[in-house]
């Protein structure tokens, strides 16, 4: 805040007039934050900043926030929205805008539940995915690979989480059922006349 005195002197004939005024510049900044693109905006916290003395906050689209009258509200919806942060003090009002873009994950099924014969294997193609984590890892060769090989010996339910091409975390599941090999038993060789 910077203030300055301004004065004016006027002369009219033999008379001299003077007056002055103090102009108080009450300036501050408002920053609603950087435009952001994320997966699942529900739970994303807006981070407004200002250097105003005794600020009063107001966010537009407050119906989608936990509280539109605080400095750092939390989004309560998965949606692309623009928010305007308006900050006022006793004398001035300033605003700034942030765009929060919601990216929808592409949770395509990684593979359908499968039934295989005992001893058979399944190879999945998870190309384009990163940070692959299987639970459990039993019966999986290279569980962090984009081409894991399943050699399950018994029925097993697996969950997998990974980052897909948009950068979103996705979770999926896979049930593998095993058909036991038939037990074949033949009697002794027999000679018949």
N, C-alpha and C. Protein backbone atom coordinates (compact mmCIF):
# COMPACT_ATOMS: atom_id res chain seq x y z
N UNK A 1 0.85 -1.18 0.00
CA UNK A 1 0.00 0.00 0.00
C UNK A 1 0.89 1.23 0.00
N UNK A 2 0.69 2.11 -0.98
CA UNK A 2 1.46 3.34 -1.10
C UNK A 2 0.48 4.50 -1.14
N UNK A 3 0.76 5.54 -0.34
CA UNK A 3 -0.09 6.71 -0.34
C UNK A 3 0.69 7.95 -0.71
N UNK A 4 0.01 8.91 -1.32
CA UNK A 4 0.66 10.14 -1.76
C UNK A 4 -0.28 11.32 -1.52
N UNK A 5 0.32 12.43 -1.06
CA UNK A 5 -0.43 13.68 -0.91
C UNK A 5 -0.35 14.44 -2.22
N UNK A 6 -1.49 14.93 -2.67
CA UNK A 6 -1.54 15.80 -3.84
C UNK A 6 -2.11 17.15 -3.40
N UNK A 7 -1.48 18.22 -3.86
CA UNK A 7 -1.98 19.55 -3.50
C UNK A 7 -2.14 20.38 -4.76
N UNK A 8 -3.04 21.33 -4.64
CA UNK A 8 -3.29 22.24 -5.75
C UNK A 8 -3.32 23.67 -5.18
N UNK A 9 -2.68 24.56 -5.88
CA UNK A 9 -2.71 25.97 -5.54
C UNK A 9 -3.36 26.70 -6.70
N UNK A 10 -4.30 27.58 -6.38
CA UNK A 10 -4.97 28.35 -7.42
C UNK A 10 -4.88 29.83 -7.06
N UNK A 11 -4.68 30.62 -8.04
CA UNK A 11 -4.60 32.07 -7.87
C UNK A 11 -5.68 32.70 -8.72
N UNK A 12 -6.52 33.50 -8.07
CA UNK A 12 -7.58 34.18 -8.80
C UNK A 12 -7.55 35.64 -8.36
N UNK A 13 -7.05 36.42 -9.26
CA UNK A 13 -6.89 37.84 -8.92
C UNK A 13 -5.91 37.99 -7.77
N UNK A 14 -6.36 38.66 -6.69
CA UNK A 14 -5.53 38.87 -5.51
C UNK A 14 -5.63 37.71 -4.52
N UNK A 15 -6.52 36.75 -4.80
CA UNK A 15 -6.77 35.67 -3.84
C UNK A 15 -5.99 34.41 -4.22
N UNK A 16 -5.55 33.72 -3.19
CA UNK A 16 -4.82 32.47 -3.36
C UNK A 16 -5.58 31.37 -2.64
N UNK A 17 -5.77 30.29 -3.34
CA UNK A 17 -6.49 29.15 -2.77
C UNK A 17 -5.57 27.93 -2.79
N UNK A 18 -5.66 27.08 -1.76
CA UNK A 18 -4.88 25.84 -1.67
C UNK A 18 -5.77 24.74 -1.12
N UNK A 19 -5.49 23.55 -1.62
CA UNK A 19 -6.18 22.38 -1.07
C UNK A 19 -5.28 21.17 -1.32
N UNK A 20 -5.51 20.14 -0.55
CA UNK A 20 -4.73 18.92 -0.74
C UNK A 20 -5.62 17.71 -0.44
N UNK A 21 -5.18 16.60 -1.00
CA UNK A 21 -5.89 15.35 -0.78
C UNK A 21 -4.84 14.24 -0.66
N UNK A 22 -5.10 13.29 0.21
CA UNK A 22 -4.23 12.14 0.35
C UNK A 22 -4.87 10.98 -0.41
N UNK A 23 -4.15 10.43 -1.39
CA UNK A 23 -4.64 9.29 -2.17
C UNK A 23 -3.91 8.05 -1.67
N UNK A 24 -4.68 7.16 -1.11
CA UNK A 24 -4.14 5.91 -0.58
C UNK A 24 -4.37 4.83 -1.63
N UNK A 25 -3.31 4.28 -2.17
CA UNK A 25 -3.42 3.22 -3.17
C UNK A 25 -3.42 1.90 -2.41
N UNK A 26 -4.53 1.23 -2.48
CA UNK A 26 -4.69 -0.02 -1.75
C UNK A 26 -4.69 -1.15 -2.77
N UNK A 27 -3.52 -1.54 -3.23
CA UNK A 27 -3.40 -2.54 -4.29
C UNK A 27 -2.92 -3.86 -3.70
N UNK A 28 -3.42 -4.96 -4.27
CA UNK A 28 -2.96 -6.29 -3.87
C UNK A 28 -3.14 -7.22 -5.05
N UNK A 29 -2.54 -8.38 -4.97
CA UNK A 29 -2.68 -9.35 -6.06
C UNK A 29 -3.58 -10.50 -5.63
N UNK A 30 -4.15 -11.15 -6.63
CA UNK A 30 -4.96 -12.35 -6.43
C UNK A 30 -4.51 -13.37 -7.46
N UNK A 31 -4.28 -14.61 -7.02
CA UNK A 31 -3.89 -15.69 -7.92
C UNK A 31 -4.75 -16.90 -7.59
N UNK A 32 -5.56 -17.34 -8.55
CA UNK A 32 -6.43 -18.51 -8.35
C UNK A 32 -5.67 -19.81 -8.55
N UNK A 33 -4.43 -19.74 -9.03
CA UNK A 33 -3.65 -20.95 -9.28
C UNK A 33 -3.49 -21.19 -10.77
N UNK A 34 -2.58 -22.11 -11.10
CA UNK A 34 -2.32 -22.46 -12.49
C UNK A 34 -3.44 -23.34 -13.04
N UNK A 35 -3.80 -23.12 -14.31
CA UNK A 35 -4.74 -24.03 -14.96
C UNK A 35 -4.20 -25.44 -14.82
N UNK A 36 -5.08 -26.39 -14.56
CA UNK A 36 -4.67 -27.74 -14.20
C UNK A 36 -5.49 -28.77 -14.97
N UNK A 37 -4.83 -29.83 -15.42
CA UNK A 37 -5.50 -30.97 -16.05
C UNK A 37 -5.16 -32.20 -15.22
N UNK A 38 -6.17 -32.85 -14.65
CA UNK A 38 -5.95 -34.02 -13.81
C UNK A 38 -7.06 -35.04 -14.03
N UNK A 39 -6.79 -36.25 -13.58
CA UNK A 39 -7.81 -37.30 -13.56
C UNK A 39 -8.60 -37.16 -12.27
N UNK A 40 -9.87 -37.32 -12.35
CA UNK A 40 -10.72 -37.34 -11.17
C UNK A 40 -10.55 -36.07 -10.33
N UNK A 41 -11.22 -35.01 -10.75
CA UNK A 41 -11.10 -33.72 -10.07
C UNK A 41 -11.77 -33.71 -8.71
N UNK A 42 -12.65 -34.67 -8.44
CA UNK A 42 -13.30 -34.73 -7.13
C UNK A 42 -12.22 -34.91 -6.06
N UNK A 43 -12.13 -33.95 -5.14
CA UNK A 43 -11.10 -33.98 -4.11
C UNK A 43 -9.92 -33.07 -4.40
N UNK A 44 -9.89 -32.46 -5.59
CA UNK A 44 -8.80 -31.54 -5.94
C UNK A 44 -8.97 -30.24 -5.16
N UNK A 45 -7.89 -29.78 -4.53
CA UNK A 45 -7.96 -28.56 -3.73
C UNK A 45 -7.45 -27.37 -4.53
N UNK A 46 -8.30 -26.36 -4.65
CA UNK A 46 -7.91 -25.10 -5.27
C UNK A 46 -7.00 -24.35 -4.29
N UNK A 47 -6.01 -23.65 -4.80
CA UNK A 47 -5.05 -22.98 -3.92
C UNK A 47 -4.93 -21.51 -4.30
N UNK A 48 -5.85 -20.71 -3.83
CA UNK A 48 -5.81 -19.27 -4.09
C UNK A 48 -4.81 -18.59 -3.19
N UNK A 49 -4.17 -17.54 -3.72
CA UNK A 49 -3.24 -16.76 -2.92
C UNK A 49 -3.51 -15.27 -3.12
N UNK A 50 -3.20 -14.49 -2.10
CA UNK A 50 -3.33 -13.04 -2.15
C UNK A 50 -2.46 -12.43 -1.07
N UNK A 51 -2.13 -11.16 -1.25
CA UNK A 51 -1.41 -10.44 -0.21
C UNK A 51 -2.29 -9.35 0.40
N UNK A 52 -3.60 -9.46 0.18
CA UNK A 52 -4.55 -8.47 0.72
C UNK A 52 -4.62 -8.58 2.24
N UNK A 53 -4.76 -7.42 2.88
CA UNK A 53 -5.00 -7.41 4.32
C UNK A 53 -6.48 -7.71 4.55
N UNK A 54 -6.77 -8.54 5.50
CA UNK A 54 -8.14 -8.97 5.84
C UNK A 54 -8.97 -9.31 4.61
N UNK A 55 -8.53 -10.30 3.83
CA UNK A 55 -9.24 -10.65 2.60
C UNK A 55 -10.57 -11.35 2.86
N UNK A 56 -11.50 -11.12 1.96
CA UNK A 56 -12.78 -11.83 1.94
C UNK A 56 -12.80 -12.59 0.62
N UNK A 57 -12.94 -13.92 0.69
CA UNK A 57 -12.84 -14.78 -0.49
C UNK A 57 -14.22 -15.15 -1.00
N UNK A 58 -14.30 -15.28 -2.33
CA UNK A 58 -15.51 -15.78 -2.96
C UNK A 58 -15.12 -16.48 -4.26
N UNK A 59 -15.49 -17.77 -4.37
CA UNK A 59 -15.21 -18.56 -5.58
C UNK A 59 -16.50 -18.72 -6.37
N UNK A 60 -16.44 -18.52 -7.70
CA UNK A 60 -17.59 -18.83 -8.55
C UNK A 60 -17.74 -20.35 -8.62
N UNK A 61 -18.87 -20.80 -9.12
CA UNK A 61 -19.19 -22.24 -9.19
C UNK A 61 -19.07 -22.90 -7.82
N UNK A 62 -19.45 -22.16 -6.79
CA UNK A 62 -19.29 -22.65 -5.42
C UNK A 62 -20.15 -23.88 -5.12
N UNK A 63 -21.15 -24.15 -5.95
CA UNK A 63 -21.98 -25.35 -5.74
C UNK A 63 -21.16 -26.62 -5.91
N UNK A 64 -20.01 -26.51 -6.59
CA UNK A 64 -19.17 -27.67 -6.84
C UNK A 64 -17.97 -27.73 -5.88
N UNK A 65 -17.99 -26.88 -4.85
CA UNK A 65 -16.91 -26.81 -3.87
C UNK A 65 -17.44 -27.11 -2.48
N UNK A 66 -16.55 -27.54 -1.60
CA UNK A 66 -17.00 -27.80 -0.23
C UNK A 66 -17.33 -26.50 0.49
N UNK A 67 -16.70 -25.38 0.08
CA UNK A 67 -16.99 -24.08 0.68
C UNK A 67 -16.45 -23.01 -0.26
N UNK A 68 -17.31 -22.23 -0.86
CA UNK A 68 -16.89 -21.21 -1.82
C UNK A 68 -16.44 -19.92 -1.18
N UNK A 69 -16.38 -19.87 0.15
CA UNK A 69 -16.01 -18.63 0.84
C UNK A 69 -14.70 -18.74 1.61
N UNK A 70 -13.89 -19.75 1.27
CA UNK A 70 -12.59 -19.91 1.93
C UNK A 70 -11.49 -19.82 0.87
N UNK A 71 -10.26 -19.68 1.33
CA UNK A 71 -9.14 -19.49 0.42
C UNK A 71 -8.85 -20.72 -0.43
N UNK A 72 -8.92 -21.91 0.15
CA UNK A 72 -8.51 -23.13 -0.55
C UNK A 72 -9.60 -24.20 -0.48
N UNK A 73 -10.68 -24.03 -1.22
CA UNK A 73 -11.75 -25.03 -1.18
C UNK A 73 -11.40 -26.29 -1.96
N UNK A 74 -12.20 -27.34 -1.77
CA UNK A 74 -11.98 -28.64 -2.40
C UNK A 74 -13.14 -28.92 -3.35
N UNK A 75 -12.78 -29.33 -4.58
CA UNK A 75 -13.81 -29.70 -5.57
C UNK A 75 -14.53 -30.96 -5.11
N UNK A 76 -15.84 -30.99 -5.39
CA UNK A 76 -16.65 -32.14 -4.99
C UNK A 76 -17.38 -32.77 -6.18
N UNK A 77 -16.74 -32.69 -7.35
CA UNK A 77 -17.34 -33.26 -8.55
C UNK A 77 -16.22 -33.57 -9.53
N UNK A 78 -16.42 -34.61 -10.34
CA UNK A 78 -15.50 -34.91 -11.44
C UNK A 78 -16.04 -34.21 -12.67
N UNK A 79 -15.49 -33.04 -12.97
CA UNK A 79 -15.98 -32.25 -14.09
C UNK A 79 -14.95 -31.21 -14.47
N UNK A 80 -15.00 -30.76 -15.72
CA UNK A 80 -14.15 -29.65 -16.16
C UNK A 80 -14.88 -28.36 -15.84
N UNK A 81 -14.25 -27.51 -15.03
CA UNK A 81 -14.90 -26.27 -14.58
C UNK A 81 -13.90 -25.13 -14.52
N UNK A 82 -14.40 -23.93 -14.72
CA UNK A 82 -13.63 -22.72 -14.53
C UNK A 82 -14.09 -22.08 -13.23
N UNK A 83 -13.14 -21.62 -12.42
CA UNK A 83 -13.47 -20.97 -11.16
C UNK A 83 -12.84 -19.58 -11.15
N UNK A 84 -13.60 -18.60 -10.71
CA UNK A 84 -13.10 -17.25 -10.54
C UNK A 84 -12.98 -16.99 -9.05
N UNK A 85 -11.76 -16.65 -8.62
CA UNK A 85 -11.52 -16.28 -7.23
C UNK A 85 -11.60 -14.76 -7.15
N UNK A 86 -12.54 -14.26 -6.36
CA UNK A 86 -12.67 -12.83 -6.13
C UNK A 86 -12.29 -12.55 -4.70
N UNK A 87 -11.34 -11.61 -4.51
CA UNK A 87 -10.88 -11.24 -3.18
C UNK A 87 -11.18 -9.76 -2.98
N UNK A 88 -11.80 -9.46 -1.85
CA UNK A 88 -12.12 -8.08 -1.51
C UNK A 88 -11.50 -7.75 -0.16
N UNK A 89 -11.19 -6.47 0.02
CA UNK A 89 -10.86 -5.98 1.34
C UNK A 89 -11.79 -4.78 1.58
N UNK A 90 -11.47 -3.92 2.48
CA UNK A 90 -12.38 -2.81 2.79
C UNK A 90 -12.58 -1.86 1.62
N UNK A 91 -11.62 -1.80 0.67
CA UNK A 91 -11.69 -0.79 -0.38
C UNK A 91 -11.71 -1.33 -1.81
N UNK A 92 -11.08 -2.45 -2.06
CA UNK A 92 -10.87 -2.91 -3.44
C UNK A 92 -11.30 -4.36 -3.62
N UNK A 93 -11.50 -4.71 -4.90
CA UNK A 93 -11.85 -6.08 -5.27
C UNK A 93 -11.05 -6.46 -6.51
N UNK A 94 -10.39 -7.63 -6.45
CA UNK A 94 -9.63 -8.15 -7.58
C UNK A 94 -10.01 -9.61 -7.78
N UNK A 95 -9.84 -10.09 -9.04
CA UNK A 95 -10.22 -11.46 -9.36
C UNK A 95 -9.16 -12.13 -10.23
N UNK A 96 -9.17 -13.45 -10.21
CA UNK A 96 -8.35 -14.26 -11.09
C UNK A 96 -9.10 -15.55 -11.37
N UNK A 97 -8.77 -16.20 -12.50
CA UNK A 97 -9.51 -17.39 -12.94
C UNK A 97 -8.57 -18.58 -13.07
N UNK A 98 -9.10 -19.76 -12.75
CA UNK A 98 -8.39 -21.03 -12.96
C UNK A 98 -9.34 -21.97 -13.71
N UNK A 99 -8.78 -22.72 -14.65
CA UNK A 99 -9.53 -23.76 -15.36
C UNK A 99 -9.01 -25.10 -14.88
N UNK A 100 -9.91 -25.93 -14.35
CA UNK A 100 -9.56 -27.28 -13.91
C UNK A 100 -10.21 -28.25 -14.90
N UNK A 101 -9.36 -28.96 -15.64
CA UNK A 101 -9.85 -29.87 -16.67
C UNK A 101 -9.81 -31.30 -16.15
N UNK A 102 -10.96 -31.95 -16.18
CA UNK A 102 -11.08 -33.34 -15.74
C UNK A 102 -10.81 -34.26 -16.93
N UNK A 103 -9.83 -35.14 -16.77
CA UNK A 103 -9.53 -36.12 -17.81
C UNK A 103 -10.18 -37.44 -17.41
N UNK A 104 -10.96 -37.99 -18.30
CA UNK A 104 -11.61 -39.27 -18.02
C UNK A 104 -10.65 -40.40 -18.35
N UNK A 105 -10.49 -41.29 -17.43
CA UNK A 105 -9.64 -42.46 -17.66
C UNK A 105 -10.30 -43.36 -18.69
N UNK A 106 -9.49 -44.12 -19.37
CA UNK A 106 -9.99 -45.09 -20.34
C UNK A 106 -9.90 -46.49 -19.73
N UNK A 107 -10.81 -46.81 -18.81
CA UNK A 107 -10.69 -48.10 -18.11
C UNK A 107 -11.22 -49.26 -18.94
N UNK A 108 -10.59 -49.49 -20.07
CA UNK A 108 -11.00 -50.63 -20.89
C UNK A 108 -10.60 -51.90 -20.17
N UNK A 109 -11.41 -52.91 -20.31
CA UNK A 109 -11.09 -54.18 -19.66
C UNK A 109 -9.78 -54.70 -20.20
N UNK A 110 -8.88 -55.08 -19.30
CA UNK A 110 -7.58 -55.57 -19.75
C UNK A 110 -7.70 -56.96 -20.37
N UNK A 111 -8.64 -57.71 -19.90
CA UNK A 111 -8.83 -59.05 -20.39
C UNK A 111 -10.10 -59.58 -19.74
N UNK A 112 -10.77 -60.44 -20.41
CA UNK A 112 -11.97 -61.00 -19.82
C UNK A 112 -11.60 -62.16 -18.90
N UNK A 113 -12.45 -62.41 -17.91
CA UNK A 113 -12.23 -63.57 -17.05
C UNK A 113 -12.05 -64.80 -17.94
N UNK A 114 -11.19 -65.70 -17.51
CA UNK A 114 -10.83 -66.81 -18.38
C UNK A 114 -10.91 -68.15 -17.64
N UNK A 115 -11.19 -69.17 -18.42
CA UNK A 115 -11.13 -70.54 -17.94
C UNK A 115 -10.18 -71.28 -18.87
N UNK A 116 -9.15 -71.90 -18.28
CA UNK A 116 -8.14 -72.61 -19.07
C UNK A 116 -7.91 -73.98 -18.46
N UNK A 117 -7.36 -74.83 -19.28
CA UNK A 117 -7.01 -76.16 -18.78
C UNK A 117 -5.74 -76.07 -17.94
N UNK A 118 -5.68 -76.94 -16.95
CA UNK A 118 -4.50 -77.00 -16.09
C UNK A 118 -3.26 -77.16 -16.96
N UNK A 119 -2.24 -76.32 -16.71
CA UNK A 119 -1.00 -76.38 -17.47
C UNK A 119 -0.95 -75.39 -18.62
N UNK A 120 -2.10 -74.87 -19.05
CA UNK A 120 -2.11 -73.86 -20.11
C UNK A 120 -1.70 -72.51 -19.52
N UNK A 121 -1.38 -71.56 -20.38
CA UNK A 121 -0.97 -70.24 -19.92
C UNK A 121 -1.75 -69.16 -20.68
N UNK A 122 -1.72 -67.96 -20.13
CA UNK A 122 -2.36 -66.79 -20.74
C UNK A 122 -1.33 -65.67 -20.74
N UNK A 123 -1.21 -64.97 -21.86
CA UNK A 123 -0.35 -63.79 -21.95
C UNK A 123 -1.25 -62.59 -22.21
N UNK A 124 -1.09 -61.54 -21.42
CA UNK A 124 -1.87 -60.32 -21.61
C UNK A 124 -1.03 -59.28 -22.33
N UNK A 125 -1.70 -58.37 -23.03
CA UNK A 125 -1.02 -57.25 -23.68
C UNK A 125 -1.46 -55.97 -22.98
N UNK A 126 -0.57 -55.41 -22.18
CA UNK A 126 -0.85 -54.16 -21.47
C UNK A 126 0.00 -53.02 -22.04
N UNK A 127 0.25 -53.08 -23.34
CA UNK A 127 1.05 -52.03 -23.99
C UNK A 127 0.39 -50.67 -23.77
N UNK A 128 1.20 -49.68 -23.49
CA UNK A 128 0.70 -48.33 -23.26
C UNK A 128 0.43 -48.03 -21.80
N UNK A 129 0.49 -49.05 -20.95
CA UNK A 129 0.27 -48.84 -19.51
C UNK A 129 1.60 -48.87 -18.77
N UNK A 130 1.67 -48.13 -17.66
CA UNK A 130 2.88 -48.11 -16.85
C UNK A 130 2.52 -48.35 -15.39
N UNK A 131 3.54 -48.53 -14.57
CA UNK A 131 3.37 -48.75 -13.12
C UNK A 131 2.38 -49.88 -12.84
N UNK A 132 2.56 -51.00 -13.52
CA UNK A 132 1.64 -52.14 -13.42
C UNK A 132 1.91 -52.89 -12.11
N UNK A 133 0.85 -53.10 -11.33
CA UNK A 133 0.97 -53.81 -10.06
C UNK A 133 -0.16 -54.82 -9.94
N UNK A 134 0.21 -56.11 -9.81
CA UNK A 134 -0.77 -57.19 -9.65
C UNK A 134 -0.83 -57.62 -8.20
N UNK A 135 -2.03 -58.00 -7.76
CA UNK A 135 -2.20 -58.58 -6.43
C UNK A 135 -3.15 -59.77 -6.56
N UNK A 136 -2.77 -60.96 -6.16
CA UNK A 136 -1.41 -61.38 -5.78
C UNK A 136 -0.55 -61.55 -7.03
N UNK A 137 0.72 -61.88 -6.82
CA UNK A 137 1.62 -62.10 -7.95
C UNK A 137 1.87 -63.59 -8.19
N UNK A 138 1.30 -64.43 -7.36
CA UNK A 138 1.53 -65.87 -7.52
C UNK A 138 0.96 -66.34 -8.86
N UNK A 139 1.73 -67.16 -9.55
CA UNK A 139 1.29 -67.70 -10.84
C UNK A 139 1.52 -66.74 -12.00
N UNK A 140 2.19 -65.59 -11.76
CA UNK A 140 2.44 -64.63 -12.84
C UNK A 140 3.96 -64.53 -13.06
N UNK A 141 4.37 -64.77 -14.30
CA UNK A 141 5.77 -64.55 -14.68
C UNK A 141 5.85 -63.09 -15.16
N UNK A 142 6.80 -62.33 -14.65
CA UNK A 142 6.99 -60.91 -14.99
C UNK A 142 5.75 -60.07 -14.68
N UNK A 143 5.34 -59.98 -13.42
CA UNK A 143 4.10 -59.27 -13.08
C UNK A 143 4.13 -57.76 -13.35
N UNK A 144 5.30 -57.15 -13.51
CA UNK A 144 5.36 -55.71 -13.80
C UNK A 144 5.53 -55.44 -15.29
N UNK A 145 5.58 -56.49 -16.09
CA UNK A 145 5.76 -56.36 -17.54
C UNK A 145 4.46 -55.96 -18.21
N UNK A 146 4.57 -55.40 -19.43
CA UNK A 146 3.37 -55.11 -20.21
C UNK A 146 2.83 -56.39 -20.86
N UNK A 147 3.57 -57.50 -20.75
CA UNK A 147 3.13 -58.79 -21.27
C UNK A 147 3.30 -59.87 -20.21
N UNK A 148 2.54 -59.78 -19.11
CA UNK A 148 2.68 -60.80 -18.07
C UNK A 148 2.16 -62.15 -18.57
N UNK A 149 2.81 -63.21 -18.09
CA UNK A 149 2.44 -64.58 -18.44
C UNK A 149 1.84 -65.23 -17.21
N UNK A 150 0.62 -65.72 -17.34
CA UNK A 150 -0.09 -66.36 -16.23
C UNK A 150 0.03 -67.87 -16.37
N UNK A 151 0.58 -68.51 -15.33
CA UNK A 151 0.69 -69.97 -15.26
C UNK A 151 -0.03 -70.44 -14.00
N UNK A 152 -1.26 -70.06 -13.88
CA UNK A 152 -2.02 -70.37 -12.68
C UNK A 152 -2.23 -71.87 -12.56
N UNK A 153 -2.12 -72.35 -11.35
CA UNK A 153 -2.32 -73.79 -11.09
C UNK A 153 -3.62 -74.04 -10.34
N UNK A 154 -4.26 -72.98 -9.91
CA UNK A 154 -5.55 -73.11 -9.24
C UNK A 154 -6.36 -71.85 -9.54
N UNK A 155 -7.66 -71.92 -9.27
CA UNK A 155 -8.50 -70.75 -9.49
C UNK A 155 -7.92 -69.56 -8.72
N UNK A 156 -7.88 -68.40 -9.37
CA UNK A 156 -7.29 -67.23 -8.72
C UNK A 156 -7.99 -65.96 -9.20
N UNK A 157 -8.25 -65.07 -8.26
CA UNK A 157 -8.79 -63.74 -8.56
C UNK A 157 -7.65 -62.75 -8.43
N UNK A 158 -7.39 -61.97 -9.47
CA UNK A 158 -6.30 -61.00 -9.48
C UNK A 158 -6.88 -59.59 -9.60
N UNK A 159 -6.23 -58.63 -8.96
CA UNK A 159 -6.51 -57.22 -9.21
C UNK A 159 -5.23 -56.61 -9.76
N UNK A 160 -5.41 -55.62 -10.62
CA UNK A 160 -4.27 -54.93 -11.22
C UNK A 160 -4.54 -53.43 -11.18
N UNK A 161 -3.51 -52.66 -10.89
CA UNK A 161 -3.61 -51.21 -11.01
C UNK A 161 -2.47 -50.76 -11.91
N UNK A 162 -2.75 -49.69 -12.68
CA UNK A 162 -1.75 -49.19 -13.63
C UNK A 162 -2.11 -47.76 -14.01
N UNK A 163 -1.16 -47.10 -14.65
CA UNK A 163 -1.41 -45.76 -15.19
C UNK A 163 -1.66 -45.93 -16.68
N UNK A 164 -2.81 -45.43 -17.14
CA UNK A 164 -3.15 -45.59 -18.54
C UNK A 164 -2.64 -44.40 -19.35
N UNK A 165 -2.91 -44.40 -20.65
CA UNK A 165 -2.30 -43.44 -21.57
C UNK A 165 -2.61 -41.98 -21.26
N UNK A 166 -3.72 -41.68 -20.59
CA UNK A 166 -4.07 -40.31 -20.22
C UNK A 166 -3.37 -39.88 -18.93
N UNK A 167 -2.67 -40.82 -18.28
CA UNK A 167 -2.01 -40.50 -17.02
C UNK A 167 -2.86 -40.78 -15.79
N UNK A 168 -3.98 -41.45 -15.98
CA UNK A 168 -4.88 -41.74 -14.87
C UNK A 168 -4.60 -43.13 -14.30
N UNK A 169 -4.75 -43.25 -12.97
CA UNK A 169 -4.65 -44.56 -12.32
C UNK A 169 -5.95 -45.32 -12.59
N UNK A 170 -5.82 -46.57 -12.97
CA UNK A 170 -6.97 -47.42 -13.26
C UNK A 170 -6.79 -48.72 -12.49
N UNK A 171 -7.89 -49.27 -12.02
CA UNK A 171 -7.84 -50.58 -11.36
C UNK A 171 -8.82 -51.50 -12.07
N UNK A 172 -8.41 -52.73 -12.28
CA UNK A 172 -9.25 -53.72 -12.94
C UNK A 172 -9.03 -55.05 -12.24
N UNK A 173 -9.76 -56.05 -12.67
CA UNK A 173 -9.61 -57.37 -12.06
C UNK A 173 -9.73 -58.44 -13.13
N UNK A 174 -9.26 -59.62 -12.77
CA UNK A 174 -9.26 -60.76 -13.67
C UNK A 174 -9.43 -62.03 -12.85
N UNK A 175 -10.39 -62.85 -13.23
CA UNK A 175 -10.60 -64.15 -12.59
C UNK A 175 -10.12 -65.22 -13.55
N UNK A 176 -9.21 -66.06 -13.10
CA UNK A 176 -8.75 -67.20 -13.91
C UNK A 176 -9.21 -68.47 -13.21
N UNK A 177 -9.97 -69.26 -13.96
CA UNK A 177 -10.46 -70.54 -13.45
C UNK A 177 -9.70 -71.66 -14.18
N UNK A 178 -9.32 -72.65 -13.42
CA UNK A 178 -8.53 -73.76 -13.96
C UNK A 178 -9.41 -75.01 -14.03
N UNK A 179 -9.41 -75.65 -15.20
CA UNK A 179 -10.09 -76.94 -15.36
C UNK A 179 -9.02 -78.02 -15.18
N UNK A 180 -9.16 -78.84 -14.15
CA UNK A 180 -8.14 -79.88 -13.94
C UNK A 180 -8.13 -80.87 -15.11
N UNK A 181 -6.96 -81.37 -15.39
CA UNK A 181 -6.85 -82.38 -16.44
C UNK A 181 -7.58 -83.65 -15.99
N UNK A 182 -8.23 -84.36 -16.92
CA UNK A 182 -8.93 -85.58 -16.53
C UNK A 182 -7.93 -86.66 -16.11
N UNK A 183 -8.33 -87.44 -15.15
CA UNK A 183 -7.51 -88.57 -14.71
C UNK A 183 -7.92 -89.78 -15.55
N UNK A 184 -7.01 -90.27 -16.36
CA UNK A 184 -7.29 -91.40 -17.24
C UNK A 184 -6.60 -92.63 -16.65
N UNK A 185 -7.37 -93.69 -16.52
CA UNK A 185 -6.80 -94.92 -15.98
C UNK A 185 -7.24 -96.09 -16.87
N UNK A 186 -6.29 -96.82 -17.38
CA UNK A 186 -6.60 -98.01 -18.20
C UNK A 186 -6.19 -99.25 -17.43
N UNK A 187 -6.90 -100.31 -17.67
CA UNK A 187 -6.54 -101.57 -17.01
C UNK A 187 -5.33 -102.18 -17.71
N UNK A 188 -4.85 -103.28 -17.16
CA UNK A 188 -3.69 -103.97 -17.73
C UNK A 188 -3.97 -104.43 -19.13
N UNK A 189 -2.88 -104.63 -19.91
CA UNK A 189 -3.06 -105.18 -21.25
C UNK A 189 -3.73 -106.54 -21.18
N UNK A 190 -4.59 -106.80 -22.12
CA UNK A 190 -5.32 -108.05 -22.13
C UNK A 190 -5.25 -108.67 -23.53
N UNK A 191 -5.10 -109.97 -23.56
CA UNK A 191 -5.11 -110.67 -24.82
C UNK A 191 -6.42 -111.42 -24.94
N UNK A 192 -7.06 -111.24 -26.07
CA UNK A 192 -8.35 -111.88 -26.27
C UNK A 192 -8.24 -112.78 -27.53
N UNK A 193 -8.78 -114.00 -27.45
CA UNK A 193 -8.76 -114.92 -28.60
C UNK A 193 -10.05 -114.86 -29.32
